[in-house]
């Protein structure tokens, strides 16, 4: 019985460690702009800071200094992930005290209650982290498949002279400089993520 408890404690503490690593990671959203191998750039966006790097090895990070300029879904993800880390920490402590092989925690009946409480806290921690990650992934997927959201899509390709001339505001009649085009087939609804 104590081998199963030790294995459960190791899995719980390992999951807590992975949760902390995911929360502090800067690679929640990665954008790549590569026209060639030499000019490739990457933008890493996380819950706490944004980083940019290029193929020459330059890497720069900028933390989010204020919570007022951070988008609402990032704030919600931050809160859920912090709640998950806190619950995971207390779940690990409860699981350690609830094991039969430890001398701390009182009688076997009290230890059984602590072990059950640890399991419930670990489940709540998992639900918080799963909700936060799902919320962030849903926002990324929604932006990617939205044909009106061009913040990332416009930075990927250069349309030649049309991208320069379409920035003019004057109209010469006929075709002129105004050109209406739909989104590229690359970002069609049937594209795979």
Protein backbone atom coordinates (compact mmCIF):
# COMPACT_ATOMS: atom_id res chain seq x y z
CA UNK A 1 0.00 0.00 0.00
CA UNK A 2 2.79 2.45 0.80
CA UNK A 3 4.41 1.86 -2.64
CA UNK A 4 1.21 3.06 -4.32
CA UNK A 5 1.16 6.10 -2.03
CA UNK A 6 4.79 6.92 -2.79
CA UNK A 7 4.12 6.57 -6.52
CA UNK A 8 1.06 8.84 -6.21
CA UNK A 9 3.09 11.42 -4.27
CA UNK A 10 5.85 11.36 -6.91
CA UNK A 11 3.28 11.80 -9.70
CA UNK A 12 1.57 14.64 -7.81
CA UNK A 13 4.82 16.49 -7.11
CA UNK A 14 5.96 15.91 -10.72
CA UNK A 15 2.67 17.36 -11.99
CA UNK A 16 3.12 20.33 -9.66
CA UNK A 17 6.62 20.90 -11.06
CA UNK A 18 5.31 20.72 -14.63
CA UNK A 19 2.57 23.18 -13.72
CA UNK A 20 5.09 25.67 -12.33
CA UNK A 21 7.24 25.28 -15.45
CA UNK A 22 4.25 25.86 -17.74
CA UNK A 23 3.11 28.90 -15.77
CA UNK A 24 6.51 30.60 -15.94
CA UNK A 25 7.18 29.63 -19.57
CA UNK A 26 7.39 32.32 -22.25
CA UNK A 27 6.32 30.00 -25.06
CA UNK A 28 2.56 30.05 -24.74
CA UNK A 29 2.28 31.58 -28.20
CA UNK A 30 5.06 31.44 -30.79
CA UNK A 31 4.97 33.49 -33.99
CA UNK A 32 7.51 32.84 -36.73
CA UNK A 33 8.31 35.17 -39.59
CA UNK A 34 10.84 33.65 -41.94
CA UNK A 35 11.53 34.88 -45.45
CA UNK A 36 14.93 33.17 -45.43
CA UNK A 37 17.11 31.32 -42.95
CA UNK A 38 19.19 34.44 -42.24
CA UNK A 39 16.29 36.81 -41.56
CA UNK A 40 14.10 34.42 -39.56
CA UNK A 41 12.57 35.94 -36.42
CA UNK A 42 10.56 34.42 -33.62
CA UNK A 43 8.22 36.09 -31.16
CA UNK A 44 7.49 34.22 -27.93
CA UNK A 45 4.54 35.40 -25.88
CA UNK A 46 3.88 34.21 -22.35
CA UNK A 47 1.73 35.16 -19.39
CA UNK A 48 4.44 37.31 -17.82
CA UNK A 49 6.60 38.64 -20.70
CA UNK A 50 7.08 38.72 -24.46
CA UNK A 51 10.39 37.74 -26.05
CA UNK A 52 11.77 38.12 -29.56
CA UNK A 53 14.71 36.38 -31.16
CA UNK A 54 16.29 36.03 -34.57
CA UNK A 55 18.47 33.57 -36.45
CA UNK A 56 21.63 35.49 -35.55
CA UNK A 57 21.18 34.68 -31.86
CA UNK A 58 19.83 37.97 -30.60
CA UNK A 59 17.17 37.46 -27.94
CA UNK A 60 15.30 40.18 -26.03
CA UNK A 61 12.50 39.92 -23.46
CA UNK A 62 10.10 42.60 -22.26
CA UNK A 63 7.99 41.88 -19.16
CA UNK A 64 4.40 43.06 -18.77
CA UNK A 65 4.94 45.88 -16.28
CA UNK A 66 1.28 46.63 -15.61
CA UNK A 67 -1.85 44.56 -15.50
CA UNK A 68 -3.97 47.32 -17.01
CA UNK A 69 -2.48 46.98 -20.51
CA UNK A 70 -2.62 43.18 -20.55
CA UNK A 71 -5.60 41.67 -22.34
CA UNK A 72 -8.40 40.17 -20.27
CA UNK A 73 -7.88 36.56 -21.33
CA UNK A 74 -4.21 36.73 -20.29
CA UNK A 75 -5.23 38.08 -16.88
CA UNK A 76 -7.77 35.27 -16.53
CA UNK A 77 -5.14 32.69 -17.49
CA UNK A 78 -2.72 34.20 -15.00
CA UNK A 79 -5.27 33.95 -12.22
CA UNK A 80 -6.22 30.38 -13.07
CA UNK A 81 -2.60 29.24 -13.32
CA UNK A 82 -1.66 30.93 -10.03
CA UNK A 83 -4.65 29.26 -8.38
CA UNK A 84 -3.55 25.93 -9.85
CA UNK A 85 0.02 26.37 -8.57
CA UNK A 86 -1.25 27.30 -5.10
CA UNK A 87 -3.62 24.34 -4.98
CA UNK A 88 -0.91 22.02 -6.26
CA UNK A 89 1.47 23.19 -3.53
CA UNK A 90 -1.07 22.57 -0.77
CA UNK A 91 -2.07 19.27 -2.38
CA UNK A 92 1.56 18.15 -2.23
CA UNK A 93 1.81 19.09 1.44
CA UNK A 94 -1.46 17.32 2.28
CA UNK A 95 -0.38 14.24 0.34
CA UNK A 96 2.94 14.16 2.18
CA UNK A 97 1.24 14.36 5.57
CA UNK A 98 -1.46 11.87 4.56
CA UNK A 99 0.92 9.04 3.66
CA UNK A 100 0.99 6.02 5.98
CA UNK A 101 4.79 5.87 5.97
CA UNK A 102 5.21 9.36 7.53
CA UNK A 103 5.13 9.99 11.28
CA UNK A 104 3.40 13.36 10.91
CA UNK A 105 -0.35 13.68 10.55
CA UNK A 106 -1.88 11.81 13.50
CA UNK A 107 -3.83 8.57 13.41
CA UNK A 108 -4.55 6.42 10.36
CA UNK A 109 -8.07 7.83 10.18
CA UNK A 110 -6.77 11.42 10.10
CA UNK A 111 -4.14 10.46 7.51
CA UNK A 112 -6.82 8.89 5.32
CA UNK A 113 -8.80 12.13 5.45
CA UNK A 114 -5.67 14.13 4.56
CA UNK A 115 -4.93 11.83 1.63
CA UNK A 116 -8.50 12.21 0.38
CA UNK A 117 -8.26 15.99 0.77
CA UNK A 118 -4.98 15.95 -1.16
CA UNK A 119 -6.65 14.08 -4.02
CA UNK A 120 -9.51 16.60 -4.15
CA UNK A 121 -7.07 19.53 -4.09
CA UNK A 122 -5.00 17.96 -6.90
CA UNK A 123 -8.16 17.52 -8.99
CA UNK A 124 -9.10 21.18 -8.44
CA UNK A 125 -5.56 22.22 -9.36
CA UNK A 126 -5.78 20.21 -12.57
CA UNK A 127 -9.15 21.74 -13.45
CA UNK A 128 -7.81 25.27 -12.91
CA UNK A 129 -4.75 24.67 -15.09
CA UNK A 130 -6.79 22.90 -17.77
CA UNK A 131 -9.27 25.78 -17.88
CA UNK A 132 -6.51 28.38 -18.14
CA UNK A 133 -4.69 26.53 -20.92
CA UNK A 134 -7.94 25.89 -22.80
CA UNK A 135 -8.93 29.55 -22.58
CA UNK A 136 -5.58 30.65 -24.00
CA UNK A 137 -5.65 28.00 -26.76
CA UNK A 138 -9.21 28.97 -27.69
CA UNK A 139 -8.18 32.62 -28.07
CA UNK A 140 -5.21 31.71 -30.30
CA UNK A 141 -7.32 29.40 -32.46
CA UNK A 142 -10.11 31.96 -32.77
CA UNK A 143 -7.65 34.66 -33.86
CA UNK A 144 -5.99 32.33 -36.35
CA UNK A 145 -9.21 31.35 -38.12
CA UNK A 146 -10.79 34.82 -37.98
CA UNK A 147 -10.53 36.29 -41.50
CA UNK A 148 -10.81 39.84 -40.13
CA UNK A 149 -7.91 39.47 -37.69
CA UNK A 150 -4.86 40.42 -39.73
CA UNK A 151 -2.34 41.34 -37.01
CA UNK A 152 -0.24 38.22 -37.50
CA UNK A 153 -1.24 37.32 -41.02
CA UNK A 154 -0.13 40.62 -42.55
CA UNK A 155 3.39 40.28 -41.18
CA UNK A 156 4.04 36.99 -42.92
CA UNK A 157 3.95 37.93 -46.58
CA UNK A 158 5.02 40.84 -48.73
CA UNK A 159 2.58 41.51 -51.55
CA UNK A 160 5.04 43.38 -53.73
CA UNK A 161 4.04 46.77 -55.11
CA UNK A 162 0.39 46.33 -54.15
CA UNK A 163 1.23 46.55 -50.46
CA UNK A 164 3.03 49.86 -51.03
CA UNK A 165 0.49 51.45 -53.36
CA UNK A 166 -2.53 50.33 -51.36
CA UNK A 167 -1.35 52.46 -48.44
CA UNK A 168 -2.13 55.63 -50.44
CA UNK A 169 -5.37 57.38 -49.69
CA UNK A 170 -6.04 59.09 -53.03
CA UNK A 171 -8.31 57.60 -55.65
CA UNK A 172 -7.56 57.99 -59.37
CA UNK A 173 -10.82 56.60 -60.68
CA UNK A 174 -11.42 53.24 -62.31
CA UNK A 175 -9.33 50.58 -60.66
CA UNK A 176 -7.13 53.08 -58.84
CA UNK A 177 -5.25 52.12 -55.74
CA UNK A 178 -8.17 50.50 -54.00
CA UNK A 179 -8.02 46.76 -54.18
CA UNK A 180 -10.29 44.51 -52.20
CA UNK A 181 -9.05 41.00 -51.69
CA UNK A 182 -10.17 38.22 -49.45
CA UNK A 183 -7.90 36.43 -47.02
CA UNK A 184 -5.31 34.07 -48.40
CA UNK A 185 -6.27 30.42 -48.95
CA UNK A 186 -3.51 29.60 -46.49
CA UNK A 187 -5.79 30.82 -43.69
CA UNK A 188 -8.92 29.11 -44.93
CA UNK A 189 -11.34 27.47 -42.49
CA UNK A 190 -10.12 24.06 -43.67
CA UNK A 191 -6.49 24.73 -42.70
CA UNK A 192 -4.96 22.47 -40.11
CA UNK A 193 -3.40 23.88 -36.96
